[in-house]
N, C-alpha and C. Protein backbone atom coordinates (compact mmCIF):
# COMPACT_ATOMS: atom_id res chain seq x y z
N UNK A 1 27.41 20.04 -21.82
CA UNK A 1 26.58 19.89 -20.19
C UNK A 1 27.81 20.92 -20.28
N UNK A 2 27.02 22.20 -18.97
CA UNK A 2 27.62 22.80 -18.06
C UNK A 2 28.15 22.14 -16.55
N UNK A 3 28.64 22.12 -16.21
CA UNK A 3 29.54 21.20 -14.80
C UNK A 3 28.32 21.22 -13.87
N UNK A 4 27.33 22.62 -13.87
CA UNK A 4 26.52 23.29 -12.75
C UNK A 4 25.72 22.03 -13.05
N UNK A 5 24.89 22.11 -14.59
CA UNK A 5 24.25 20.79 -15.07
C UNK A 5 24.68 19.30 -14.14
N UNK A 6 25.07 18.91 -14.51
CA UNK A 6 25.65 17.80 -13.11
C UNK A 6 25.95 17.70 -12.12
N UNK A 7 26.60 19.13 -11.02
CA UNK A 7 26.87 19.15 -10.06
C UNK A 7 25.74 18.12 -8.80
N UNK A 8 26.17 17.48 -7.78
CA UNK A 8 25.20 17.24 -7.14
C UNK A 8 24.84 18.85 -6.60
N UNK A 9 24.14 18.40 -6.00
CA UNK A 9 22.93 19.89 -5.13
C UNK A 9 22.58 18.99 -3.71
N UNK A 10 23.05 19.92 -3.13
CA UNK A 10 22.23 19.48 -1.94
C UNK A 10 21.18 19.34 -1.24
N UNK A 11 20.99 18.82 -0.26
CA UNK A 11 20.34 18.40 -0.17
C UNK A 11 18.40 19.39 0.44
N UNK A 12 16.96 18.46 -0.20
CA UNK A 12 16.21 19.39 -0.79
C UNK A 12 15.33 20.33 0.95
N UNK A 13 15.34 21.19 1.78
CA UNK A 13 14.42 21.56 2.08
C UNK A 13 13.47 20.72 2.28
N UNK A 14 12.63 20.83 3.74
CA UNK A 14 11.29 19.86 4.11
C UNK A 14 10.18 20.24 2.38
N UNK A 15 9.74 21.67 3.45
CA UNK A 15 8.55 21.90 1.78
C UNK A 15 9.19 21.35 0.43
N UNK A 16 10.58 22.49 -0.17
CA UNK A 16 10.91 21.26 -1.21
C UNK A 16 10.66 19.72 -1.87
N UNK A 17 10.67 19.16 -0.58
CA UNK A 17 10.82 17.48 -0.73
C UNK A 17 9.49 16.98 -0.65
N UNK A 18 8.47 17.49 -0.15
CA UNK A 18 7.65 17.36 -0.37
C UNK A 18 6.69 17.39 -1.41
N UNK A 19 7.10 18.78 -1.90
CA UNK A 19 6.57 19.35 -3.61
C UNK A 19 7.20 18.62 -4.32
N UNK A 20 8.69 18.38 -4.02
CA UNK A 20 9.11 16.51 -5.24
C UNK A 20 8.20 15.23 -4.67
N UNK A 21 7.65 15.12 -4.23
CA UNK A 21 7.23 14.05 -3.33
C UNK A 21 6.17 14.39 -4.95
N UNK A 22 5.36 15.08 -4.12
CA UNK A 22 3.94 15.20 -4.77
C UNK A 22 3.69 15.41 -6.57
N UNK A 23 4.93 16.21 -6.82
CA UNK A 23 5.45 15.54 -8.16
C UNK A 23 5.80 14.76 -8.55
N UNK A 24 6.43 13.93 -8.37
CA UNK A 24 6.86 12.34 -8.47
C UNK A 24 5.79 11.60 -8.66
N UNK A 25 4.29 11.79 -7.33
CA UNK A 25 3.54 11.04 -7.71
C UNK A 25 2.46 11.21 -8.75
N UNK A 26 2.75 12.21 -8.62
CA UNK A 26 1.39 12.46 -10.02
C UNK A 26 1.38 12.01 -11.33
N UNK A 27 2.95 12.21 -11.12
CA UNK A 27 3.71 10.95 -13.21
C UNK A 27 3.02 10.15 -13.20
N UNK A 28 3.26 9.30 -12.04
CA UNK A 28 3.64 7.78 -11.20
C UNK A 28 1.79 7.55 -12.01
N UNK A 29 1.25 8.41 -11.17
CA UNK A 29 -0.18 8.29 -11.57
C UNK A 29 -0.38 8.27 -12.57
N UNK A 30 0.01 9.34 -13.02
CA UNK A 30 0.13 9.43 -14.64
C UNK A 30 0.42 8.72 -15.29
N UNK A 31 1.52 7.94 -15.75
CA UNK A 31 2.16 6.94 -16.04
C UNK A 31 0.73 5.48 -15.83
N UNK A 32 0.07 5.35 -14.25
CA UNK A 32 -0.48 4.22 -14.44
C UNK A 32 -1.69 3.90 -14.77
N UNK A 33 -2.19 5.64 -15.14
CA UNK A 33 -3.74 6.19 -15.95
C UNK A 33 -3.04 5.80 -16.86
N UNK A 34 -2.86 6.03 -17.75
CA UNK A 34 -1.77 6.00 -18.94
C UNK A 34 -1.90 4.26 -19.02
N UNK A 35 -1.12 3.33 -18.73
CA UNK A 35 -1.29 2.41 -18.48
C UNK A 35 -2.44 1.07 -18.63
N UNK A 36 -3.44 1.90 -17.76
CA UNK A 36 -4.53 0.60 -17.31
C UNK A 36 -5.16 1.09 -18.93
N UNK A 37 -5.68 2.46 -19.43
CA UNK A 37 -6.39 2.40 -20.01
C UNK A 37 -5.40 2.36 -21.97
N UNK A 38 -5.00 1.62 -21.67
CA UNK A 38 -4.15 0.85 -22.73
C UNK A 38 -4.41 -0.36 -22.59
N UNK A 39 -4.59 -1.22 -21.07
CA UNK A 39 -4.80 -2.48 -21.23
C UNK A 39 -6.04 -2.78 -21.28
N UNK A 40 -7.33 -1.67 -20.89
CA UNK A 40 -8.37 -2.10 -21.72
C UNK A 40 -8.84 -2.06 -23.31
N UNK A 41 -8.28 -0.77 -23.24
CA UNK A 41 -8.41 -1.11 -24.35
C UNK A 41 -7.91 -2.27 -25.54
N UNK A 42 -6.94 -2.84 -25.50
CA UNK A 42 -6.76 -4.04 -25.70
C UNK A 42 -7.44 -5.36 -24.88
N UNK A 43 -8.47 -4.91 -24.14
CA UNK A 43 -9.22 -6.49 -23.43
C UNK A 43 -10.04 -6.16 -23.99
N UNK A 44 -10.63 -4.56 -24.56
CA UNK A 44 -11.80 -4.44 -25.23
C UNK A 44 -11.73 -4.90 -26.72
N UNK A 45 -10.28 -4.39 -27.91
CA UNK A 45 -10.30 -4.59 -28.80
C UNK A 45 -10.25 -6.16 -29.03
N UNK A 46 -9.30 -7.62 -27.88
CA UNK A 46 -9.64 -8.09 -27.56
C UNK A 46 -10.91 -9.51 -27.40
N UNK A 47 -11.76 -9.02 -27.48
CA UNK A 47 -13.68 -9.28 -26.64
C UNK A 47 -13.86 -9.35 -28.73
N UNK A 48 -13.41 -7.57 -29.07
CA UNK A 48 -14.31 -8.05 -30.28
C UNK A 48 -13.51 -8.75 -31.45
N UNK A 49 -13.01 -8.99 -30.97
CA UNK A 49 -12.18 -9.89 -31.83
C UNK A 49 -12.44 -11.71 -31.59
N UNK A 50 -12.65 -11.67 -30.48
CA UNK A 50 -13.32 -13.30 -30.01
C UNK A 50 -14.97 -13.43 -30.69
N UNK A 51 -15.16 -12.13 -30.89
CA UNK A 51 -17.17 -11.62 -30.54
C UNK A 51 -16.73 -12.61 -32.31
N UNK A 52 -15.99 -11.62 -32.84
CA UNK A 52 -16.07 -12.10 -34.06
C UNK A 52 -16.00 -13.20 -35.02
N UNK A 53 -14.68 -13.73 -34.61
CA UNK A 53 -14.62 -14.79 -34.78
C UNK A 53 -15.59 -15.93 -34.14
N UNK A 54 -16.26 -15.86 -33.51
CA UNK A 54 -16.91 -16.57 -32.90
C UNK A 54 -18.53 -16.74 -33.83
N UNK A 55 -18.59 -15.66 -34.18
CA UNK A 55 -20.11 -15.22 -35.57
C UNK A 55 -19.82 -16.00 -36.89
N UNK A 56 -17.93 -17.01 -37.55
CA UNK A 56 -18.11 -16.99 -39.37
C UNK A 56 -18.69 -18.77 -38.00
């Protein structure tokens, strides 16, 4: 790694900070959507499994 890659950088301008905040929010929202889809898939699989067990 080069020194300039790890060196602290100055504060962001208000415009840059707003953009970074928007990008970070998008990433968090994408992760939340992914987690919610996984939760729903797991719930559906559990329902299917319990329905199969009830039929036996």
